[in-house]
Protein backbone atom coordinates (compact mmCIF):
# COMPACT_ATOMS: atom_id res chain seq x y z
CA MET A 1 0.03 -0.15 -0.11
CA SER A 2 2.95 2.42 0.82
CA LEU A 3 4.58 1.74 -2.41
CA ILE A 4 1.16 2.53 -4.46
CA ILE A 5 0.95 5.81 -2.35
CA LEU A 6 4.64 6.55 -3.03
CA PHE A 7 4.40 6.02 -6.83
CA VAL A 8 1.11 7.98 -7.08
CA SER A 9 2.62 11.07 -4.98
CA ILE A 10 5.68 10.88 -7.37
CA PHE A 11 3.70 10.85 -10.49
CA LEU A 12 1.38 13.67 -9.12
CA PHE A 13 4.64 15.74 -8.23
CA VAL A 14 6.03 15.29 -11.66
CA VAL A 15 2.72 16.04 -13.57
CA ALA A 16 1.83 19.15 -11.37
CA GLY A 17 5.32 20.58 -11.67
CA THR A 18 6.15 22.72 -14.68
CA TYR A 19 9.69 23.77 -14.06
CA PHE A 20 11.13 20.86 -12.22
CA THR A 21 12.55 18.16 -14.28
CA ILE A 22 14.83 16.43 -11.46
CA ILE A 23 12.60 13.47 -10.57
CA ILE A 24 15.28 12.05 -8.04
CA SER A 25 14.72 15.39 -5.86
CA LEU A 26 10.85 15.05 -6.01
CA THR A 27 11.14 11.35 -5.30
CA PHE A 28 13.17 11.98 -2.11
CA GLU A 29 10.80 14.39 -1.20
CA ALA A 30 7.93 11.91 -1.59
CA VAL A 31 9.85 9.12 0.19
CA SER A 32 10.66 11.63 2.99
CA ALA A 33 6.99 12.69 3.36
CA LEU A 34 5.52 9.17 3.23
CA SER A 35 8.16 7.84 5.72
CA THR A 36 7.52 10.76 8.20
CA VAL A 37 11.14 11.68 8.17
CA ARG A 38 10.68 15.27 7.25
CA ILE A 39 14.04 15.62 5.56
CA SER A 40 14.11 17.92 2.95
CA LEU A 41 16.50 19.16 0.11
CA ASN A 42 15.17 22.62 0.51
CA LEU A 43 13.08 22.04 -2.45
CA THR A 44 9.50 22.43 -0.60
CA PRO A 45 9.45 26.25 -0.62
CA LEU A 46 10.14 26.02 -4.47
CA LEU A 47 7.07 23.70 -5.30
CA GLN A 48 4.04 24.93 -6.78
CA ARG A 49 0.97 25.00 -4.62
CA LYS A 50 -0.32 21.80 -5.99
CA GLN A 51 2.82 20.13 -5.36
CA GLN A 52 2.92 21.53 -1.82
CA ILE A 53 -0.66 20.17 -1.16
CA GLY A 54 0.32 16.84 -2.40
CA TYR A 55 3.48 16.87 -0.24
CA SER A 56 1.27 17.58 2.90
CA ARG A 57 -1.18 14.80 1.72
CA THR A 58 1.39 12.14 1.32
CA ASP A 59 2.92 13.28 4.82
CA VAL A 60 -0.44 12.86 6.56
CA CYS A 61 -0.81 9.30 4.59
CA GLY A 62 2.43 8.37 6.14
CA THR A 63 1.72 9.61 9.71
CA ARG A 64 -1.77 7.93 9.57
CA GLY A 65 -0.30 4.48 8.36
CA THR A 66 2.29 4.86 10.98
CA TYR A 67 -0.25 5.14 13.92
CA HIS A 68 -2.42 2.53 12.27
CA HIS A 69 0.34 -0.19 12.39
CA ASP A 70 1.27 0.82 15.91
CA ALA A 71 -2.40 0.36 16.89
CA LEU A 72 -2.56 -2.85 15.43
CA GLY A 73 0.43 -3.94 17.32
CA ILE A 74 -1.02 -2.90 20.71
CA VAL A 75 -4.62 -4.27 20.16
CA LYS A 76 -4.76 -8.09 20.88
CA GLN A 77 -6.04 -9.78 17.59
CA LYS A 78 -8.81 -12.08 18.10
CA LYS A 79 -8.08 -15.55 17.20
CA ASN A 80 -10.60 -16.91 14.95
CA THR A 81 -9.57 -20.57 14.78
CA LYS A 82 -11.81 -23.37 13.21
CA TYR A 83 -10.11 -26.31 15.20
CA LYS A 84 -9.97 -27.67 18.63
CA TYR A 85 -7.03 -29.60 20.40
CA PRO A 86 -8.18 -32.96 21.66
CA SER A 87 -8.27 -33.12 25.37
CA ASP A 88 -8.61 -36.30 27.72
CA ASN A 89 -7.59 -37.47 31.38
CA ILE A 90 -4.50 -39.66 30.72
CA ILE A 91 -3.46 -41.73 33.85
CA ILE A 92 0.17 -42.31 34.10
CA ASN A 93 1.53 -45.05 36.59
């Protein structure tokens, strides 16, 4: 799911930009936003308005994904088993 979000955000960054041809820098910004590292190449202030909105949405998706995975790790999962272990009283001399 994260890879899909990453590729979509990189694609939208490239499509929305008119004067940025350096895809590596945009990829770095997208990965930084999605992984919530918030390291930048100081490219964010130079982005167009559409790209800045996409950057912030990617950051929110990354943050929600992190919280979602943390919550799933904390909450005890319900085991839905369709089998039973046999039980019996065994007498050992």
